[in-house]
Structure formats: structure tokens, C-alpha cells
Protein backbone atom coordinates (compact mmCIF):
# COMPACT_ATOMS: atom_id res chain seq x y z
CA MET A 1 -40.69 -2.15 -17.36
CA ILE A 2 -37.58 -0.05 -15.97
CA SER A 3 -34.25 -1.57 -16.86
CA ARG A 4 -31.39 -2.44 -14.48
CA LYS A 5 -29.27 0.73 -15.91
CA ILE A 6 -31.95 2.86 -14.97
CA ILE A 7 -32.64 1.55 -11.36
CA GLN A 8 -28.54 1.43 -10.91
CA ARG A 9 -28.68 5.32 -11.83
CA ILE A 10 -31.47 6.03 -9.40
CA LEU A 11 -30.29 4.45 -6.47
CA LEU A 12 -26.87 6.29 -7.48
CA GLY A 13 -28.61 9.54 -7.40
CA LEU A 14 -30.34 8.95 -4.22
CA THR A 15 -26.96 7.85 -2.60
CA ILE A 16 -25.50 11.09 -3.90
CA CYS A 17 -28.21 13.03 -2.33
CA PHE A 18 -27.96 11.41 0.81
CA CYS A 19 -24.38 11.99 1.32
CA LEU A 20 -24.75 15.66 0.48
CA LEU A 21 -27.57 15.87 3.01
CA ILE A 22 -25.15 14.32 5.72
CA GLY A 23 -22.20 16.48 4.52
CA ILE A 24 -20.08 14.13 3.27
CA GLY A 25 -17.95 15.27 0.51
CA GLN A 26 -17.83 18.84 2.36
CA SER A 27 -14.64 18.15 4.63
CA GLN A 28 -13.17 21.68 3.01
CA SER A 29 -16.05 23.68 4.77
CA LEU A 30 -15.66 24.61 8.35
CA ALA A 31 -17.53 22.30 10.83
CA ALA A 32 -19.80 23.87 13.35
CA ILE A 33 -17.72 24.60 16.74
CA ARG A 34 -19.76 22.99 19.51
CA GLN A 35 -19.80 24.33 22.92
CA ILE A 36 -20.34 22.09 26.00
CA GLU A 37 -20.51 22.79 29.58
CA GLU A 38 -19.44 19.30 31.15
CA ALA A 39 -19.78 20.75 34.67
CA PRO A 40 -20.49 24.54 36.61
CA GLY A 41 -17.18 26.25 35.17
CA ARG A 42 -16.04 23.40 32.88
CA MET A 43 -16.20 24.09 29.13
CA VAL A 44 -15.49 22.30 26.06
CA TYR A 45 -15.21 23.63 22.58
CA GLN A 46 -14.95 21.21 19.71
CA SER A 47 -15.15 20.78 16.07
CA ARG A 48 -15.33 17.68 14.14
CA GLN A 49 -14.27 17.09 10.76
CA ASN A 50 -13.67 13.87 8.27
CA LEU A 51 -10.56 12.97 6.55
CA LYS A 52 -9.53 10.34 4.17
CA ASP A 53 -6.28 8.27 4.42
CA GLN A 54 -4.14 7.32 1.96
CA ASN A 55 -6.04 4.07 1.22
CA VAL A 56 -9.31 6.19 1.07
CA ASN A 57 -10.65 5.01 4.67
CA ASN A 58 -12.59 7.67 6.54
CA TRP A 59 -11.24 9.02 9.98
CA GLN A 60 -12.89 11.59 12.30
CA ALA A 61 -10.73 14.37 13.40
CA ILE A 62 -12.29 15.99 16.88
CA ALA A 63 -10.24 18.92 17.90
CA PHE A 64 -11.44 20.09 21.37
CA LYS A 65 -10.08 22.45 23.93
CA ARG A 66 -11.19 21.73 27.68
CA ILE A 67 -11.06 24.99 30.33
CA ARG A 68 -11.31 23.39 33.62
CA ASP A 69 -12.97 25.45 36.69
CA ASP A 70 -9.54 26.46 38.02
CA GLY A 71 -8.90 27.74 34.42
CA LYS A 72 -6.10 25.43 33.04
CA THR A 73 -6.79 24.41 29.66
CA SER A 74 -5.90 21.34 27.41
CA PHE A 75 -6.09 21.24 23.33
CA PHE A 76 -6.28 17.49 22.07
CA LEU A 77 -6.92 16.21 18.52
CA ARG A 78 -8.83 12.67 18.63
CA LEU A 79 -8.26 10.48 15.45
CA VAL A 80 -11.10 7.88 15.14
CA GLY A 81 -10.98 5.15 12.65
CA PHE A 82 -13.29 2.54 11.73
CA PRO A 83 -12.65 -0.99 13.59
CA ASN A 84 -10.08 -3.15 12.29
CA VAL A 85 -9.14 -0.80 9.60
CA ALA A 86 -5.50 0.06 12.10
CA GLU A 87 -4.33 -0.54 15.23
CA ILE A 88 -2.70 2.87 16.40
CA ASP A 89 0.66 2.57 17.95
CA ARG A 90 0.06 4.72 21.01
CA SER A 91 4.05 4.52 21.92
CA GLN A 92 4.93 6.71 18.70
CA PRO A 93 4.18 10.80 18.41
CA LEU A 94 1.43 12.02 16.12
CA THR A 95 3.85 14.07 13.44
CA LEU A 96 2.26 16.84 11.80
CA THR A 97 4.42 18.00 8.50
CA ASN A 98 3.41 21.31 6.74
CA SER A 99 3.55 21.54 3.04
CA LEU A 100 6.91 23.61 3.25
CA GLY A 101 8.57 20.51 5.12
CA LYS A 102 8.23 21.86 8.79
CA SER A 103 7.50 19.04 11.29
CA PHE A 104 5.96 19.00 14.60
CA THR A 105 5.10 15.97 16.90
CA ALA A 106 2.40 15.99 19.29
CA THR A 107 2.61 13.47 22.24
CA ASP A 108 -0.14 10.44 22.62
CA SER A 109 -2.65 11.52 25.13
CA SER A 110 -5.11 8.37 24.85
CA ASN A 111 -4.70 7.09 28.44
CA ASP A 112 -6.90 10.43 29.30
CA ILE A 113 -9.94 8.62 27.47
CA PHE A 114 -9.29 5.14 28.35
CA THR A 115 -10.13 4.66 31.59
CA ASP A 116 -9.97 1.05 33.95
CA SER A 117 -13.35 0.66 32.97
CA PHE A 118 -12.96 0.86 29.19
CA GLU A 119 -10.24 -1.29 27.13
CA PRO A 120 -8.05 0.80 24.78
CA GLN A 121 -9.69 0.93 21.28
CA PRO A 122 -7.07 0.19 18.59
CA ASN A 123 -8.79 2.56 16.28
CA VAL A 124 -8.90 5.44 18.46
CA GLY A 125 -5.99 7.81 19.21
CA GLN A 126 -5.55 11.28 21.08
CA TYR A 127 -2.72 13.64 20.92
CA ASN A 128 -1.92 16.81 22.87
CA LEU A 129 -1.72 19.71 20.33
CA GLN A 130 -1.52 22.30 22.80
CA PRO A 131 2.29 22.70 22.68
CA VAL A 132 2.38 22.70 18.49
CA LEU A 133 -0.85 24.40 17.75
CA SER A 134 0.38 28.29 18.04
CA GLN A 135 3.40 27.19 15.43
CA LEU A 136 1.24 25.86 12.90
CA GLN A 137 0.23 28.32 9.95
CA ALA A 138 -3.32 28.21 9.02
CA GLU A 139 -2.63 29.10 5.35
CA ILE A 140 -0.57 26.38 4.88
CA PRO A 141 -1.81 22.48 4.43
CA LEU A 142 -0.76 19.58 7.01
CA LYS A 143 -0.37 16.30 6.73
CA LEU A 144 -0.67 13.96 9.91
CA SER A 145 1.46 11.05 9.98
CA LEU A 146 -0.23 8.29 12.45
CA PRO A 147 1.79 5.51 13.58
CA ILE A 148 0.40 2.25 13.18
CA ILE A 149 1.61 -0.97 14.59
CA GLY A 150 2.94 -3.47 11.79
CA ASN A 151 1.88 -1.51 9.03
CA GLU A 152 3.01 2.13 7.34
CA ALA A 153 1.92 5.15 8.96
CA ILE A 154 -1.42 6.34 7.89
CA SER A 155 -1.17 9.71 6.27
CA LEU A 156 -4.00 12.10 6.88
CA SER A 157 -4.45 15.46 4.70
CA VAL A 158 -5.70 18.54 6.51
CA PRO A 159 -6.77 21.56 4.47
CA PRO A 160 -5.87 25.09 5.85
CA SER A 161 -9.64 25.85 6.71
CA PHE A 162 -9.48 22.70 9.65
CA VAL A 163 -6.35 24.30 11.15
CA GLU A 164 -7.84 27.75 11.03
CA GLU A 165 -10.89 26.30 12.91
CA TRP A 166 -8.74 24.44 15.51
CA GLN A 167 -6.91 27.73 16.18
CA THR A 168 -10.13 29.33 16.11
CA ILE A 169 -11.10 27.11 19.50
CA ALA A 170 -7.87 27.41 20.97
CA ASN A 171 -8.27 31.17 21.29
CA TYR A 172 -11.86 30.79 23.06
CA LYS A 173 -11.59 31.80 26.87
């Protein structure tokens, strides 16, 4: 008869294997950059990474550049947390602070993703990174400070490899 401890160890091992297969724990590596043609002449380039906040909650960071058919571009960072974990304060900007103490702010652009037919989801925020992206140094880690209603800001650590990937996407034509 197999003991309870052996069964627990087997289940833990299987869980670890599953997490490795789906990529959890590999947040330091570069993600695949996706290229999507939304319509003729309208391209989107994006990367997705997982970040953990100070409370060890997972957040998905989706950085994307949109190139419209008229040639105009935009670059956004969308942050998505699990429902009921936090309610993002969209009246405040996202603050990006590098490890040298230099801070930048990115304005909220969540209205671009929530149309009249969709109710704003409190755990989703989108920020315009285009004005600040060229000022970020890829070799220096970042902390994102995400404003939350009724609580202290969520702090998300961004490794240099993510910043490098965002800048790679920003340079796509």
C-alpha cells in the first residue's frame, strides 16, 4: 500500500512538471513575439509575460504595438490580474521606476479596450507606453507601481529582458 507522503510527493512532482510544460517559472526568458494582421495594412505585434506582485499574485503583462493602415503607431502595456484580487484606479497613471530611482509615468488608456458593449473590468488596465519606452534602459530592471482603489499600489518587478523585448517590438515597422 502506498503511503500518503509518497502520493503527495508524486502529485507535487506532477504539478511541477505541468507548470514547467506551460511555462510557469520561466518569466525571466523572452516570450515569443506574436504578429497579428487585424485587417489589411493593420498589424499588431505583441508579447506576453507573467509578473508577480508583492503579494505573490500573478499578473499578465501584454505589451503591444499597433500599426494602423495610415502608418500611425501606438504602444500599450495591458496588465491583467485575477478577478477580485485588485480594483485598478484608472484615474491615476502607472508609474515605472528603474533601479537607479528614475521614474516615468504612463497614462491610462483603458477606455480604448472597454467599449459601450463591455463593462470595464476592475482587474484590467491599459497604459500608453509610447512616450516613455525610448527613455527606458533595457539593462536596468523596472518596478511598476499600479494604482489600486482603496489599497496600496500593486508593485510589479519587470526584469531587463522584458524591457528589451518591449523595445524590440516598438522598433518593428
